């Protein structure tokens, strides 16, 4: 996922809207997205390890 963020940041810097805003704003946005993805990955990993059976319906 972080590779995808880096690739999109590079592509945006070269071709997109990111080329028109200051580099500090670009870095702040990229860092916010990276943190968001990291938190999501950690939550998904812990949910799979701790509550894998809790998401399924109970069997009768």
Protein backbone atom coordinates (compact mmCIF):
# COMPACT_ATOMS: atom_id res chain seq x y z
CA UNK A 1 0.00 0.00 0.00
CA UNK A 2 2.77 2.42 0.83
CA UNK A 3 4.32 1.69 -2.57
CA UNK A 4 1.03 2.77 -4.15
CA UNK A 5 1.06 6.03 -2.17
CA UNK A 6 4.63 6.72 -3.29
CA UNK A 7 3.79 5.94 -6.92
CA UNK A 8 0.73 8.19 -6.89
CA UNK A 9 2.71 10.96 -5.21
CA UNK A 10 5.42 10.77 -7.87
CA UNK A 11 2.89 10.66 -10.70
CA UNK A 12 0.91 13.53 -9.19
CA UNK A 13 4.06 15.61 -8.77
CA UNK A 14 5.04 15.15 -12.38
CA UNK A 15 1.66 15.47 -14.06
CA UNK A 16 -1.19 16.44 -11.79
CA UNK A 17 -2.55 19.01 -9.42
CA UNK A 18 0.24 18.31 -6.95
CA UNK A 19 2.60 20.13 -9.31
CA UNK A 20 0.76 23.39 -8.56
CA UNK A 21 0.79 23.31 -4.75
CA UNK A 22 3.82 23.79 -2.48
CA UNK A 23 5.97 20.72 -1.76
CA UNK A 24 5.27 21.02 1.98
CA UNK A 25 1.53 20.70 1.37
CA UNK A 26 2.18 17.72 -0.90
CA UNK A 27 4.32 16.04 1.76
CA UNK A 28 1.69 16.71 4.43
CA UNK A 29 -1.05 15.21 2.28
CA UNK A 30 1.07 12.18 1.43
CA UNK A 31 1.91 11.66 5.10
CA UNK A 32 -1.76 11.88 6.08
CA UNK A 33 -2.72 9.29 3.46
CA UNK A 34 0.14 7.01 4.51
CA UNK A 35 -0.91 7.20 8.18
CA UNK A 36 -4.51 6.52 7.24
CA UNK A 37 -3.51 3.43 5.24
CA UNK A 38 -1.22 2.23 8.03
CA UNK A 39 -3.99 2.56 10.63
CA UNK A 40 -6.39 0.73 8.32
CA UNK A 41 -3.90 -2.10 7.76
CA UNK A 42 -3.24 -2.50 11.49
CA UNK A 43 -6.98 -2.54 12.28
CA UNK A 44 -7.64 -5.15 9.60
CA UNK A 45 -4.77 -7.32 10.78
CA UNK A 46 -5.85 -7.21 14.42
CA UNK A 47 -9.48 -7.87 13.47
CA UNK A 48 -8.46 -11.00 11.56
CA UNK A 49 -6.30 -12.36 14.36
CA UNK A 50 -8.65 -11.62 17.26
CA UNK A 51 -12.13 -11.70 15.85
CA UNK A 52 -12.10 -13.90 12.78
CA UNK A 53 -15.12 -15.88 13.97
CA UNK A 54 -17.03 -12.93 15.37
CA UNK A 55 -17.92 -11.52 11.96
CA UNK A 56 -19.73 -14.63 10.79
CA UNK A 57 -23.31 -15.52 11.67
CA UNK A 58 -23.77 -18.04 14.45
CA UNK A 59 -24.55 -21.58 13.36
CA UNK A 60 -27.80 -23.23 14.46
